[in-house]
Amino acid sequence: MRRSARSLFVTLALGILAACSLRDAACGRPLSKTSGNAEPTPDQIAAATTGTTAPQHFTVVFLGDSLTAGLGLMTEEAYPAVLQKKFLEEGYSNVETINAGISGDTTAGGAQRIANLLEPDVKIVVVALGGNDALRGLPVSQSRENLVKIFEAVRARNARVLFAGMEAPTNLGEDYQQSFHAMFVQLAREYRDLVVYMPFLLEGVAGHPDLNQQDGIHPNKAGAMLVADNMYPKLRLMVDEMGGGG
């Protein structure tokens, strides 16, 4: 999708994103610690009976706003849940996706939340934030600072980032649009040892009525599936490179 088309979409989209509240979030299972009395997993049982070592539990956390939370969708229809299904279908039984998206979230909110999400088995964090920053006209330098905090927190835990971009609305002016776009590209380059870059989260979805809900902004079930289709090859390669294959 050309940047002009993306910007037209974002001009409309960000207004609706800002109206989303915490109660609108369609998050998946929250992170929780496993009890010492928990039942053994199928992998553990298999390992005990075959004498093989079960693959290590490998968690992918999705840090985003309403687009990630799955506003207007069933929990299992949001793209993180679709990705979970894709991993299971390909035999990655040890990979778990956790939807930590919150409607209306910003990069500042993500920076505040990231530490509590980084449990020991979290290996990848999908960062899909920034749209609400642009809506509010926040300084690009401020958004950048927050994203750097998220990246450094992930690095400190020896995890990696799949970084999904967003575009700024046209009503903020061309200079802001260009600066906002450049921020994502520059961060992806500066953190290329940590980050795998996906330039636009809604590539192929934004601006297509048949892939969006009635608001024209949030993906419908088919749109969320396309977001997952676009992301899955990058995410699966990251899992494989980090030894998370089932």
C-alpha atoms as a PDB file:
ATOM      1  CA  MET A   1       0.000   0.000   0.000  1.00  0.00           C
ATOM      2  CA  ARG A   2       1.400   3.426  -0.887  1.00  0.00           C
ATOM      3  CA  ARG A   3       2.002   5.867   1.938  1.00  0.00           C
ATOM      4  CA  SER A   4      -0.716   8.227   0.664  1.00  0.00           C
ATOM      5  CA  ALA A   5      -3.310   5.468   0.964  1.00  0.00           C
ATOM      6  CA  ARG A   6      -2.048   4.513   4.371  1.00  0.00           C
ATOM      7  CA  SER A   7      -2.249   8.104   5.548  1.00  0.00           C
ATOM      8  CA  LEU A   8      -5.844   8.472   4.343  1.00  0.00           C
ATOM      9  CA  PHE A   9      -6.756   5.379   6.326  1.00  0.00           C
ATOM     10  CA  VAL A  10      -4.908   6.514   9.420  1.00  0.00           C
ATOM     11  CA  THR A  11      -6.607   9.922   9.389  1.00  0.00           C
ATOM     12  CA  LEU A  12      -9.927   8.129   9.925  1.00  0.00           C
ATOM     13  CA  ALA A  13      -8.583   5.268  11.981  1.00  0.00           C
ATOM     14  CA  LEU A  14      -6.886   7.134  14.755  1.00  0.00           C
ATOM     15  CA  GLY A  15     -10.024   8.993  15.717  1.00  0.00           C
ATOM     16  CA  ILE A  16     -11.729   5.695  16.450  1.00  0.00           C
ATOM     17  CA  LEU A  17      -8.699   4.242  18.181  1.00  0.00           C
ATOM     18  CA  ALA A  18      -8.745   7.134  20.652  1.00  0.00           C
ATOM     19  CA  ALA A  19     -12.372   6.479  21.513  1.00  0.00           C
ATOM     20  CA  CYS A  20     -11.621   2.912  22.576  1.00  0.00           C
ATOM     21  CA  SER A  21     -11.592   2.264  26.307  1.00  0.00           C
ATOM     22  CA  LEU A  22     -10.005  -0.394  28.458  1.00  0.00           C
ATOM     23  CA  ARG A  23     -13.267  -2.281  28.729  1.00  0.00           C
ATOM     24  CA  ASP A  24     -13.298  -2.675  24.927  1.00  0.00           C
ATOM     25  CA  ALA A  25     -10.110  -4.742  24.915  1.00  0.00           C
ATOM     26  CA  ALA A  26     -10.471  -8.293  23.699  1.00  0.00           C
ATOM     27  CA  CYS A  27      -7.265  -9.547  25.261  1.00  0.00           C
ATOM     28  CA  GLY A  28      -6.269 -13.164  25.428  1.00  0.00           C
ATOM     29  CA  ARG A  29      -5.138 -15.049  28.515  1.00  0.00           C
ATOM     30  CA  PRO A  30      -3.083 -12.836  30.836  1.00  0.00           C
ATOM     31  CA  LEU A  31       0.389 -13.818  31.865  1.00  0.00           C
ATOM     32  CA  SER A  32       0.419 -15.931  34.991  1.00  0.00           C
ATOM     33  CA  LYS A  33       2.948 -17.998  36.863  1.00  0.00           C
ATOM     34  CA  THR A  34       2.546 -21.765  36.794  1.00  0.00           C
ATOM     35  CA  SER A  35       1.607 -23.325  40.087  1.00  0.00           C
ATOM     36  CA  GLY A  36       3.899 -25.908  41.558  1.00  0.00           C
ATOM     37  CA  ASN A  37       0.933 -28.291  41.681  1.00  0.00           C
ATOM     38  CA  ALA A  38      -0.041 -27.777  38.037  1.00  0.00           C
ATOM     39  CA  GLU A  39      -0.870 -30.838  35.954  1.00  0.00           C
ATOM     40  CA  PRO A  40       1.931 -31.930  33.596  1.00  0.00           C
ATOM     41  CA  THR A  41       1.618 -30.728  30.024  1.00  0.00           C
ATOM     42  CA  PRO A  42       1.276 -33.150  27.084  1.00  0.00           C
ATOM     43  CA  ASP A  43       4.887 -32.374  26.144  1.00  0.00           C
ATOM     44  CA  GLN A  44       6.085 -33.262  29.642  1.00  0.00           C
ATOM     45  CA  ILE A  45       4.130 -36.519  29.612  1.00  0.00           C
ATOM     46  CA  ALA A  46       5.557 -37.399  26.199  1.00  0.00           C
ATOM     47  CA  ALA A  47       9.063 -36.658  27.389  1.00  0.00           C
ATOM     48  CA  ALA A  48       8.616 -38.885  30.445  1.00  0.00           C
ATOM     49  CA  THR A  49       7.311 -41.833  28.427  1.00  0.00           C
ATOM     50  CA  THR A  50       9.725 -41.603  25.509  1.00  0.00           C
ATOM     51  CA  GLY A  51      12.840 -40.497  27.315  1.00  0.00           C
ATOM     52  CA  THR A  52      13.183 -37.437  25.107  1.00  0.00           C
ATOM     53  CA  THR A  53      13.516 -33.831  26.212  1.00  0.00           C
ATOM     54  CA  ALA A  54      10.363 -31.784  25.716  1.00  0.00           C
ATOM     55  CA  PRO A  55      10.816 -28.512  23.805  1.00  0.00           C
ATOM     56  CA  GLN A  56      11.115 -25.434  26.000  1.00  0.00           C
ATOM     57  CA  HIS A  57       7.972 -23.380  26.498  1.00  0.00           C
ATOM     58  CA  PHE A  58       8.232 -20.421  24.125  1.00  0.00           C
ATOM     59  CA  THR A  59       5.970 -17.403  24.683  1.00  0.00           C
ATOM     60  CA  VAL A  60       5.237 -14.571  22.259  1.00  0.00           C
ATOM     61  CA  VAL A  61       3.619 -11.474  23.798  1.00  0.00           C
ATOM     62  CA  PHE A  62       1.695  -8.948  21.681  1.00  0.00           C
ATOM     63  CA  LEU A  63       1.973  -5.377  22.959  1.00  0.00           C
ATOM     64  CA  GLY A  64      -0.506  -3.156  21.110  1.00  0.00           C
ATOM     65  CA  ASP A  65      -3.730  -1.152  21.028  1.00  0.00           C
ATOM     66  CA  SER A  66      -7.274  -1.994  19.850  1.00  0.00           C
ATOM     67  CA  LEU A  67      -5.988  -3.350  16.539  1.00  0.00           C
ATOM     68  CA  THR A  68      -4.101  -6.000  18.483  1.00  0.00           C
ATOM     69  CA  ALA A  69      -6.658  -6.466  21.253  1.00  0.00           C
ATOM     70  CA  GLY A  70      -9.224  -7.354  18.611  1.00  0.00           C
ATOM     71  CA  LEU A  71     -11.874  -4.708  19.193  1.00  0.00           C
ATOM     72  CA  GLY A  72     -15.210  -5.936  17.831  1.00  0.00           C
ATOM     73  CA  LEU A  73     -14.003  -9.524  17.423  1.00  0.00           C
ATOM     74  CA  MET A  74     -14.257 -12.683  19.461  1.00  0.00           C
ATOM     75  CA  THR A  75     -11.071 -13.362  21.394  1.00  0.00           C
ATOM     76  CA  GLU A  76     -10.186 -16.266  19.113  1.00  0.00           C
ATOM     77  CA  GLU A  77     -10.585 -14.059  16.023  1.00  0.00           C
ATOM     78  CA  ALA A  78      -7.981 -11.434  16.964  1.00  0.00           C
ATOM     79  CA  TYR A  79      -4.767 -11.835  14.986  1.00  0.00           C
ATOM     80  CA  PRO A  80      -2.622 -13.049  17.940  1.00  0.00           C
ATOM     81  CA  ALA A  81      -5.069 -15.931  18.441  1.00  0.00           C
ATOM     82  CA  VAL A  82      -5.013 -16.699  14.714  1.00  0.00           C
ATOM     83  CA  LEU A  83      -1.228 -16.862  14.914  1.00  0.00           C
ATOM     84  CA  GLN A  84      -1.499 -19.289  17.821  1.00  0.00           C
ATOM     85  CA  LYS A  85      -3.617 -21.577  15.655  1.00  0.00           C
ATOM     86  CA  LYS A  86      -1.086 -21.357  12.818  1.00  0.00           C
ATOM     87  CA  PHE A  87       1.748 -22.417  15.103  1.00  0.00           C
ATOM     88  CA  LEU A  88      -0.247 -25.360  16.444  1.00  0.00           C
ATOM     89  CA  GLU A  89      -1.200 -26.474  12.942  1.00  0.00           C
ATOM     90  CA  GLU A  90       2.479 -26.620  12.014  1.00  0.00           C
ATOM     91  CA  GLY A  91       3.451 -28.605  15.080  1.00  0.00           C
ATOM     92  CA  TYR A  92       4.811 -25.841  17.307  1.00  0.00           C
ATOM     93  CA  SER A  93       3.085 -27.243  20.376  1.00  0.00           C
ATOM     94  CA  ASN A  94       5.411 -25.403  22.765  1.00  0.00           C
ATOM     95  CA  VAL A  95       4.727 -21.924  21.322  1.00  0.00           C
ATOM     96  CA  GLU A  96       2.132 -19.814  23.131  1.00  0.00           C
ATOM     97  CA  THR A  97       0.855 -16.408  22.018  1.00  0.00           C
ATOM     98  CA  ILE A  98      -0.459 -13.974  24.626  1.00  0.00           C
ATOM     99  CA  ASN A  99      -2.541 -10.984  23.593  1.00  0.00           C
ATOM    100  CA  ALA A 100      -1.551  -8.048  25.810  1.00  0.00           C
ATOM    101  CA  GLY A 101      -3.230  -5.491  23.551  1.00  0.00           C
ATOM    102  CA  ILE A 102      -5.277  -2.747  25.240  1.00  0.00           C
ATOM    103  CA  SER A 103      -7.633  -0.447  23.365  1.00  0.00           C
ATOM    104  CA  GLY A 104      -6.433   3.150  23.359  1.00  0.00           C
ATOM    105  CA  ASP A 105      -2.893   2.256  24.413  1.00  0.00           C
ATOM    106  CA  THR A 106       0.084   4.440  23.488  1.00  0.00           C
ATOM    107  CA  THR A 107       3.832   3.939  23.393  1.00  0.00           C
ATOM    108  CA  ALA A 108       3.963   5.465  26.885  1.00  0.00           C
ATOM    109  CA  GLY A 109       1.483   2.880  28.131  1.00  0.00           C
ATOM    110  CA  GLY A 110       3.492   0.132  26.509  1.00  0.00           C
ATOM    111  CA  ALA A 111       6.688   1.375  28.134  1.00  0.00           C
ATOM    112  CA  GLN A 112       4.973   1.294  31.527  1.00  0.00           C
ATOM    113  CA  ARG A 113       3.566  -2.203  31.031  1.00  0.00           C
ATOM    114  CA  ILE A 114       6.454  -4.008  29.408  1.00  0.00           C
ATOM    115  CA  ALA A 115       8.333  -4.978  32.582  1.00  0.00           C
ATOM    116  CA  ASN A 116       5.323  -6.839  33.963  1.00  0.00           C
ATOM    117  CA  LEU A 117       4.916  -8.792  30.736  1.00  0.00           C
ATOM    118  CA  LEU A 118       8.463 -10.088  30.466  1.00  0.00           C
ATOM    119  CA  GLU A 119       8.217 -13.385  32.311  1.00  0.00           C
ATOM    120  CA  PRO A 120      11.134 -15.810  31.874  1.00  0.00           C
ATOM    121  CA  ASP A 121       9.586 -17.799  29.018  1.00  0.00           C
ATOM    122  CA  VAL A 122       8.785 -14.711  26.939  1.00  0.00           C
ATOM    123  CA  LYS A 123      11.154 -14.882  23.981  1.00  0.00           C
ATOM    124  CA  ILE A 124       9.518 -12.484  21.490  1.00  0.00           C
ATOM    125  CA  VAL A 125       7.526  -9.279  21.977  1.00  0.00           C
ATOM    126  CA  VAL A 126       5.448  -8.042  19.053  1.00  0.00           C
ATOM    127  CA  VAL A 127       5.352  -4.233  19.400  1.00  0.00           C
ATOM    128  CA  ALA A 128       2.425  -2.702  17.504  1.00  0.00           C
ATOM    129  CA  LEU A 129       2.047   0.756  19.036  1.00  0.00           C
ATOM    130  CA  GLY A 130       2.157   4.386  17.899  1.00  0.00           C
ATOM    131  CA  GLY A 131      -1.191   5.063  16.257  1.00  0.00           C
ATOM    132  CA  ASN A 132      -2.673   6.757  19.299  1.00  0.00           C
ATOM    133  CA  ASP A 133       0.491   8.803  19.770  1.00  0.00           C
ATOM    134  CA  ALA A 134       0.007  10.264  16.310  1.00  0.00           C
ATOM    135  CA  LEU A 135      -3.673  10.942  16.922  1.00  0.00           C
ATOM    136  CA  ARG A 136      -2.777  13.036  19.935  1.00  0.00           C
ATOM    137  CA  GLY A 137      -0.060  14.826  18.020  1.00  0.00           C
ATOM    138  CA  LEU A 138       2.559  13.779  20.541  1.00  0.00           C
ATOM    139  CA  PRO A 139       6.128  14.770  19.681  1.00  0.00           C
ATOM    140  CA  VAL A 140       7.792  12.113  17.569  1.00  0.00           C
ATOM    141  CA  SER A 141      10.795  12.320  19.884  1.00  0.00           C
ATOM    142  CA  GLN A 142       8.561  11.292  22.787  1.00  0.00           C
ATOM    143  CA  SER A 143       7.190   8.278  20.934  1.00  0.00           C
ATOM    144  CA  ARG A 144      10.701   7.307  19.963  1.00  0.00           C
ATOM    145  CA  GLU A 145      11.883   7.540  23.561  1.00  0.00           C
ATOM    146  CA  ASN A 146       9.075   5.256  24.720  1.00  0.00           C
ATOM    147  CA  LEU A 147       9.781   2.687  22.019  1.00  0.00           C
ATOM    148  CA  VAL A 148      13.465   2.702  22.930  1.00  0.00           C
ATOM    149  CA  LYS A 149      12.495   1.962  26.542  1.00  0.00           C
ATOM    150  CA  ILE A 150      10.448  -1.003  25.361  1.00  0.00           C
ATOM    151  CA  PHE A 151      13.265  -2.283  23.170  1.00  0.00           C
ATOM    152  CA  GLU A 152      15.872  -1.972  25.905  1.00  0.00           C
ATOM    153  CA  ALA A 153      13.628  -3.776  28.396  1.00  0.00           C
ATOM    154  CA  VAL A 154      13.225  -6.626  25.935  1.00  0.00           C
ATOM    155  CA  ARG A 155      16.972  -6.715  25.227  1.00  0.00           C
ATOM    156  CA  ALA A 156      17.708  -6.916  28.947  1.00  0.00           C
ATOM    157  CA  ARG A 157      15.682 -10.142  29.105  1.00  0.00           C
ATOM    158  CA  ASN A 158      17.493 -11.651  26.096  1.00  0.00           C
ATOM    159  CA  ALA A 159      14.292 -11.625  24.071  1.00  0.00           C
ATOM    160  CA  ARG A 160      13.626 -10.138  20.612  1.00  0.00           C
ATOM    161  CA  VAL A 161      11.116  -7.750  19.010  1.00  0.00           C
ATOM    162  CA  LEU A 162       8.876  -7.998  15.970  1.00  0.00           C
ATOM    163  CA  PHE A 163       8.261  -4.299  15.295  1.00  0.00           C
ATOM    164  CA  ALA A 164       5.063  -3.388  13.403  1.00  0.00           C
ATOM    165  CA  GLY A 165       4.815   0.119  11.956  1.00  0.00           C
ATOM    166  CA  MET A 166       1.986   2.633  11.665  1.00  0.00           C
ATOM    167  CA  GLU A 167       1.470   5.875   9.734  1.00  0.00           C
ATOM    168  CA  ALA A 168       0.459   9.352  10.951  1.00  0.00           C
ATOM    169  CA  PRO A 169      -2.760  11.118   9.839  1.00  0.00           C
ATOM    170  CA  THR A 170      -2.664  13.743   7.102  1.00  0.00           C
ATOM    171  CA  ASN A 171      -4.218  16.493   9.222  1.00  0.00           C
ATOM    172  CA  LEU A 172      -1.042  16.810  11.271  1.00  0.00           C
ATOM    173  CA  GLY A 173       0.896  18.050   8.281  1.00  0.00           C
ATOM    174  CA  GLU A 174       3.446  16.557   5.937  1.00  0.00           C
ATOM    175  CA  ASP A 175       6.404  17.267   8.194  1.00  0.00           C
ATOM    176  CA  TYR A 176       4.871  15.313  11.062  1.00  0.00           C
ATOM    177  CA  GLN A 177       3.867  12.479   8.733  1.00  0.00           C
ATOM    178  CA  GLN A 178       7.374  12.158   7.368  1.00  0.00           C
ATOM    179  CA  SER A 179       8.997  12.365  10.788  1.00  0.00           C
ATOM    180  CA  PHE A 180       6.641   9.770  12.221  1.00  0.00           C
ATOM    181  CA  HIS A 181       7.256   7.378   9.324  1.00  0.00           C
ATOM    182  CA  ALA A 182      11.012   7.911   9.502  1.00  0.00           C
ATOM    183  CA  MET A 183      11.033   7.147  13.228  1.00  0.00           C
ATOM    184  CA  PHE A 184       9.931   3.553  12.631  1.00  0.00           C
ATOM    185  CA  VAL A 185      12.429   3.015   9.836  1.00  0.00           C
ATOM    186  CA  GLN A 186      15.305   4.527  11.821  1.00  0.00           C
ATOM    187  CA  LEU A 187      14.541   2.515  14.948  1.00  0.00           C
ATOM    188  CA  ALA A 188      14.365  -0.682  12.918  1.00  0.00           C
ATOM    189  CA  ARG A 189      17.814   0.084  11.504  1.00  0.00           C
ATOM    190  CA  GLU A 190      19.361   1.116  14.809  1.00  0.00           C
ATOM    191  CA  TYR A 191      18.035  -1.996  16.535  1.00  0.00           C
ATOM    192  CA  ARG A 192      18.526  -4.400  13.653  1.00  0.00           C
ATOM    193  CA  ASP A 193      20.282  -6.868  15.976  1.00  0.00           C
ATOM    194  CA  LEU A 194      17.136  -6.978  18.139  1.00  0.00           C
ATOM    195  CA  VAL A 195      14.261  -6.152  15.802  1.00  0.00           C
ATOM    196  CA  VAL A 196      12.537  -7.768  12.842  1.00  0.00           C
ATOM    197  CA  TYR A 197      10.612  -5.019  11.048  1.00  0.00           C
ATOM    198  CA  MET A 198       7.107  -5.202   9.589  1.00  0.00           C
ATOM    199  CA  PRO A 199       6.632  -1.739   7.999  1.00  0.00           C
ATOM    200  CA  PHE A 200       2.822  -1.509   8.311  1.00  0.00           C
ATOM    201  CA  LEU A 201       0.656  -3.641  10.593  1.00  0.00           C
ATOM    202  CA  LEU A 202      -2.419  -3.320   8.348  1.00  0.00           C
ATOM    203  CA  GLU A 203      -0.715  -3.873   4.997  1.00  0.00           C
ATOM    204  CA  GLY A 204      -3.309  -5.113   2.520  1.00  0.00           C
ATOM    205  CA  VAL A 205      -6.117  -4.617   5.050  1.00  0.00           C
ATOM    206  CA  ALA A 206      -6.412  -0.856   5.529  1.00  0.00           C
ATOM    207  CA  GLY A 207      -8.794   0.769   3.083  1.00  0.00           C
ATOM    208  CA  HIS A 208     -10.471  -2.494   2.029  1.00  0.00           C
ATOM    209  CA  PRO A 209     -14.130  -2.468   3.151  1.00  0.00           C
ATOM    210  CA  ASP A 210     -14.472  -6.239   2.851  1.00  0.00           C
ATOM    211  CA  LEU A 211     -11.657  -6.718   5.375  1.00  0.00           C
ATOM    212  CA  ASN A 212     -12.839  -4.222   7.966  1.00  0.00           C
ATOM    213  CA  GLN A 213     -15.735  -3.804  10.343  1.00  0.00           C
ATOM    214  CA  GLN A 214     -18.467  -1.213   9.791  1.00  0.00           C
ATOM    215  CA  ASP A 215     -16.298   1.514  11.303  1.00  0.00           C
ATOM    216  CA  GLY A 216     -13.955   1.060   8.347  1.00  0.00           C
ATOM    217  CA  ILE A 217     -11.019   0.932  10.729  1.00  0.00           C
ATOM    218  CA  HIS A 218     -10.761  -2.246  12.760  1.00  0.00           C
ATOM    219  CA  PRO A 219     -10.186  -5.487  10.866  1.00  0.00           C
ATOM    220  CA  ASN A 220     -13.029  -7.965  10.718  1.00  0.00           C
ATOM    221  CA  LYS A 221     -12.413 -11.686  11.021  1.00  0.00           C
ATOM    222  CA  ALA A 222     -11.066 -11.922   7.465  1.00  0.00           C
ATOM    223  CA  GLY A 223      -8.901  -8.838   7.951  1.00  0.00           C
ATOM    224  CA  ALA A 224      -7.402 -10.191  11.157  1.00  0.00           C
ATOM    225  CA  MET A 225      -6.586 -13.411   9.336  1.00  0.00           C
ATOM    226  CA  LEU A 226      -4.713 -11.438   6.677  1.00  0.00           C
ATOM    227  CA  VAL A 227      -2.757  -9.528   9.341  1.00  0.00           C
ATOM    228  CA  ALA A 228      -1.786 -12.909  10.794  1.00  0.00           C
ATOM    229  CA  ASP A 229      -0.895 -14.274   7.346  1.00  0.00           C
ATOM    230  CA  ASN A 230       1.411 -11.302   6.743  1.00  0.00           C
ATOM    231  CA  MET A 231       3.087 -11.595  10.128  1.00  0.00           C
ATOM    232  CA  TYR A 232       3.409 -15.349  10.468  1.00  0.00           C
ATOM    233  CA  PRO A 233       6.413 -15.972   8.156  1.00  0.00           C
ATOM    234  CA  LYS A 234       8.510 -13.387  10.002  1.00  0.00           C
ATOM    235  CA  LEU A 235       7.404 -14.611  13.402  1.00  0.00           C
ATOM    236  CA  ARG A 236       7.921 -18.287  12.593  1.00  0.00           C
ATOM    237  CA  LEU A 237      11.441 -17.576  11.310  1.00  0.00           C
ATOM    238  CA  MET A 238      12.236 -15.749  14.551  1.00  0.00           C
ATOM    239  CA  VAL A 239      10.949 -18.695  16.589  1.00  0.00           C
ATOM    240  CA  ASP A 240      13.052 -21.111  14.537  1.00  0.00           C
ATOM    241  CA  GLU A 241      16.184 -18.967  14.816  1.00  0.00           C
ATOM    242  CA  MET A 242      15.760 -18.824  18.589  1.00  0.00           C
ATOM    243  CA  GLY A 243      15.421 -22.590  18.871  1.00  0.00           C
ATOM    244  CA  GLY A 244      11.690 -22.595  19.578  1.00  0.00           C
ATOM    245  CA  GLY A 245      10.670 -25.134  16.966  1.00  0.00           C
ATOM    246  CA  GLY A 246       8.353 -27.824  18.324  1.00  0.00           C
END
